[in-house]
């Protein structure tokens, strides 16, 4: 597992504000978005589509909670899941690449993690969440160790996903 990243200061801003900023950035750049979510259960797609007019830049959201869904809908490899697990950089890379490939979106985010309260391990304790932002060809990954209960982990993960999408748009 690569280094655990500390939370950016911008996460203190609510998901609603991040979603509005994301929409403005997508419109300004003509970018279509997609999401590939596991532990957030569609929370990122929900936050994006809470903004009126989001159909102008939001293409598709995938909730692939099971490994079978990750494979079937996003093309995540059996070998990737067997060797690295669902909560890994390799899996989220394949998730976002598959979501962009299938949807035709120019930018996406993928999230897979252990929201709790159970399911953690010594290597991947509760609160471990992997993210990938990018497209079919290029992805950036980060791992965060989030604290709090299930709801808190999921809420922070949604905000981190939105923040990362904004970072990607600002960098491009």
Protein backbone atom coordinates (compact mmCIF):
# COMPACT_ATOMS: atom_id res chain seq x y z
CA UNK A 1 0.00 0.00 0.00
CA UNK A 2 1.36 3.44 -0.85
CA UNK A 3 1.57 6.31 1.58
CA UNK A 4 -1.61 7.44 3.24
CA UNK A 5 -2.49 10.97 2.27
CA UNK A 6 -3.62 13.57 4.77
CA UNK A 7 -6.94 15.30 4.20
CA UNK A 8 -6.83 18.51 2.17
CA UNK A 9 -8.02 21.68 3.92
CA UNK A 10 -10.73 22.08 1.27
CA UNK A 11 -12.61 19.11 2.74
CA UNK A 12 -13.95 21.44 5.41
CA UNK A 13 -16.09 22.85 2.58
CA UNK A 14 -19.36 20.96 2.21
CA UNK A 15 -20.11 18.58 -0.65
CA UNK A 16 -22.87 20.90 -1.83
CA UNK A 17 -20.40 23.75 -2.41
CA UNK A 18 -17.88 21.39 -4.02
CA UNK A 19 -20.61 20.07 -6.34
CA UNK A 20 -21.52 23.58 -7.49
CA UNK A 21 -17.85 24.42 -8.12
CA UNK A 22 -17.41 21.13 -9.97
CA UNK A 23 -20.38 21.85 -12.20
CA UNK A 24 -19.05 25.30 -13.05
CA UNK A 25 -15.63 23.86 -13.89
CA UNK A 26 -17.11 21.10 -16.06
CA UNK A 27 -19.25 23.57 -17.99
CA UNK A 28 -16.31 25.94 -18.50
CA UNK A 29 -14.14 23.11 -19.86
CA UNK A 30 -16.83 21.11 -21.67
CA UNK A 31 -16.06 17.96 -19.64
CA UNK A 32 -18.44 15.05 -19.08
CA UNK A 33 -18.13 13.18 -15.76
CA UNK A 34 -18.68 9.62 -14.63
CA UNK A 35 -18.45 7.93 -11.24
CA UNK A 36 -17.57 4.36 -10.29
CA UNK A 37 -18.46 3.86 -6.64
CA UNK A 38 -18.31 1.05 -4.17
CA UNK A 39 -18.25 2.06 -0.48
CA UNK A 40 -19.96 5.40 -1.16
CA UNK A 41 -22.94 3.63 -2.72
CA UNK A 42 -23.74 6.35 -5.25
CA UNK A 43 -23.12 9.25 -2.88
CA UNK A 44 -20.81 11.05 -5.31
CA UNK A 45 -23.28 10.75 -8.17
CA UNK A 46 -26.01 11.97 -5.84
CA UNK A 47 -23.96 14.99 -4.75
CA UNK A 48 -23.21 15.88 -8.37
CA UNK A 49 -26.82 15.52 -9.51
CA UNK A 50 -28.13 17.56 -6.56
CA UNK A 51 -27.05 20.55 -8.63
CA UNK A 52 -29.70 21.76 -11.08
CA UNK A 53 -28.49 21.43 -14.67
CA UNK A 54 -25.99 18.67 -13.90
CA UNK A 55 -27.27 16.70 -16.88
CA UNK A 56 -25.13 19.06 -18.97
CA UNK A 57 -21.94 17.47 -17.59
CA UNK A 58 -22.81 14.27 -15.71
CA UNK A 59 -22.94 11.21 -17.96
CA UNK A 60 -23.24 8.05 -15.87
CA UNK A 61 -22.81 6.73 -12.36
CA UNK A 62 -21.91 3.13 -11.59
CA UNK A 63 -22.47 1.60 -8.16
CA UNK A 64 -20.41 -1.57 -8.24
CA UNK A 65 -20.56 -2.77 -4.69
CA UNK A 66 -19.72 -6.41 -5.39
CA UNK A 67 -16.57 -7.71 -7.05
CA UNK A 68 -18.75 -9.36 -9.69
CA UNK A 69 -20.27 -5.99 -10.58
CA UNK A 70 -16.82 -4.39 -10.76
CA UNK A 71 -15.81 -7.08 -13.24
CA UNK A 72 -19.03 -7.18 -15.27
CA UNK A 73 -19.73 -3.45 -15.55
CA UNK A 74 -16.27 -1.89 -15.38
CA UNK A 75 -13.95 -4.62 -16.64
CA UNK A 76 -11.91 -4.97 -13.46
CA UNK A 77 -9.72 -8.01 -13.92
CA UNK A 78 -10.15 -11.19 -11.91
CA UNK A 79 -6.40 -11.24 -11.37
CA UNK A 80 -6.46 -7.67 -10.02
CA UNK A 81 -9.13 -8.57 -7.49
CA UNK A 82 -7.42 -11.83 -6.55
CA UNK A 83 -3.95 -10.35 -6.08
CA UNK A 84 -4.71 -6.84 -4.84
CA UNK A 85 -8.25 -6.96 -3.49
CA UNK A 86 -11.18 -4.65 -4.10
CA UNK A 87 -9.72 -1.96 -1.84
CA UNK A 88 -6.56 -1.16 -3.78
CA UNK A 89 -4.96 1.32 -6.15
CA UNK A 90 -5.01 -1.25 -8.94
CA UNK A 91 -8.74 -1.87 -8.61
CA UNK A 92 -9.78 1.79 -8.53
CA UNK A 93 -7.56 2.50 -11.55
CA UNK A 94 -9.36 -0.21 -13.50
CA UNK A 95 -12.73 0.99 -12.21
CA UNK A 96 -12.30 4.58 -13.40
CA UNK A 97 -10.78 3.47 -16.73
CA UNK A 98 -13.72 1.12 -17.30
CA UNK A 99 -16.29 3.75 -16.35
CA UNK A 100 -14.78 6.28 -18.76
CA UNK A 101 -14.50 3.67 -21.52
CA UNK A 102 -18.10 2.51 -21.14
CA UNK A 103 -19.67 5.95 -20.68
CA UNK A 104 -17.49 7.99 -23.01
CA UNK A 105 -16.94 10.53 -20.23
CA UNK A 106 -13.71 12.51 -20.27
CA UNK A 107 -13.15 12.42 -16.51
CA UNK A 108 -14.15 10.08 -13.75
CA UNK A 109 -13.63 9.09 -10.16
CA UNK A 110 -13.59 5.62 -8.62
CA UNK A 111 -13.85 4.82 -4.92
CA UNK A 112 -13.43 1.55 -3.05
CA UNK A 113 -12.94 1.25 0.67
CA UNK A 114 -13.86 -0.15 4.05
CA UNK A 115 -16.52 2.12 5.55
CA UNK A 116 -17.16 -0.11 8.56
CA UNK A 117 -18.10 -0.87 11.14
CA UNK A 118 -16.79 -4.33 10.15
CA UNK A 119 -14.82 -5.67 7.23
CA UNK A 120 -11.44 -4.20 8.09
CA UNK A 121 -8.15 -6.05 8.46
CA UNK A 122 -4.71 -5.26 9.83
CA UNK A 123 -3.57 -4.24 6.34
CA UNK A 124 -6.80 -2.42 5.41
CA UNK A 125 -8.48 -1.22 8.59
CA UNK A 126 -11.92 0.37 8.69
CA UNK A 127 -11.63 3.83 7.16
CA UNK A 128 -9.19 2.79 4.41
CA UNK A 129 -10.49 4.28 1.16
CA UNK A 130 -8.78 4.22 -2.25
CA UNK A 131 -9.60 6.79 -4.94
CA UNK A 132 -8.69 7.09 -8.61
CA UNK A 133 -9.34 10.12 -10.78
CA UNK A 134 -8.72 10.22 -14.49
CA UNK A 135 -9.85 8.76 -17.74
CA UNK A 136 -9.38 5.59 -19.76
CA UNK A 137 -5.67 6.21 -20.33
CA UNK A 138 -4.36 7.96 -17.23
CA UNK A 139 -5.27 7.82 -13.56
CA UNK A 140 -4.10 9.34 -10.30
CA UNK A 141 -4.65 7.33 -7.12
CA UNK A 142 -4.67 8.20 -3.44
CA UNK A 143 -5.42 6.31 -0.28
CA UNK A 144 -6.90 7.92 2.80
CA UNK A 145 -7.38 6.51 6.30
CA UNK A 146 -10.58 8.15 7.45
CA UNK A 147 -11.92 8.12 10.98
CA UNK A 148 -15.44 8.11 12.30
CA UNK A 149 -18.47 5.92 11.94
CA UNK A 150 -19.74 4.47 8.65
CA UNK A 151 -21.75 7.57 7.75
CA UNK A 152 -18.84 9.90 8.51
CA UNK A 153 -16.39 7.84 6.46
CA UNK A 154 -18.78 7.85 3.51
CA UNK A 155 -19.50 11.58 3.76
CA UNK A 156 -15.81 12.49 3.85
CA UNK A 157 -15.12 10.09 0.97
CA UNK A 158 -17.76 11.85 -1.15
CA UNK A 159 -16.17 15.24 -0.41
CA UNK A 160 -12.70 13.88 -1.21
CA UNK A 161 -13.96 12.47 -4.52
CA UNK A 162 -15.45 15.84 -5.52
CA UNK A 163 -12.33 17.70 -4.39
CA UNK A 164 -10.14 15.35 -6.46
CA UNK A 165 -12.29 15.90 -9.55
CA UNK A 166 -11.85 19.65 -9.13
CA UNK A 167 -8.09 19.18 -8.78
CA UNK A 168 -8.03 17.15 -12.00
CA UNK A 169 -9.95 19.84 -13.88
CA UNK A 170 -7.71 22.60 -12.52
CA UNK A 171 -4.59 20.66 -13.52
CA UNK A 172 -5.84 19.97 -17.03
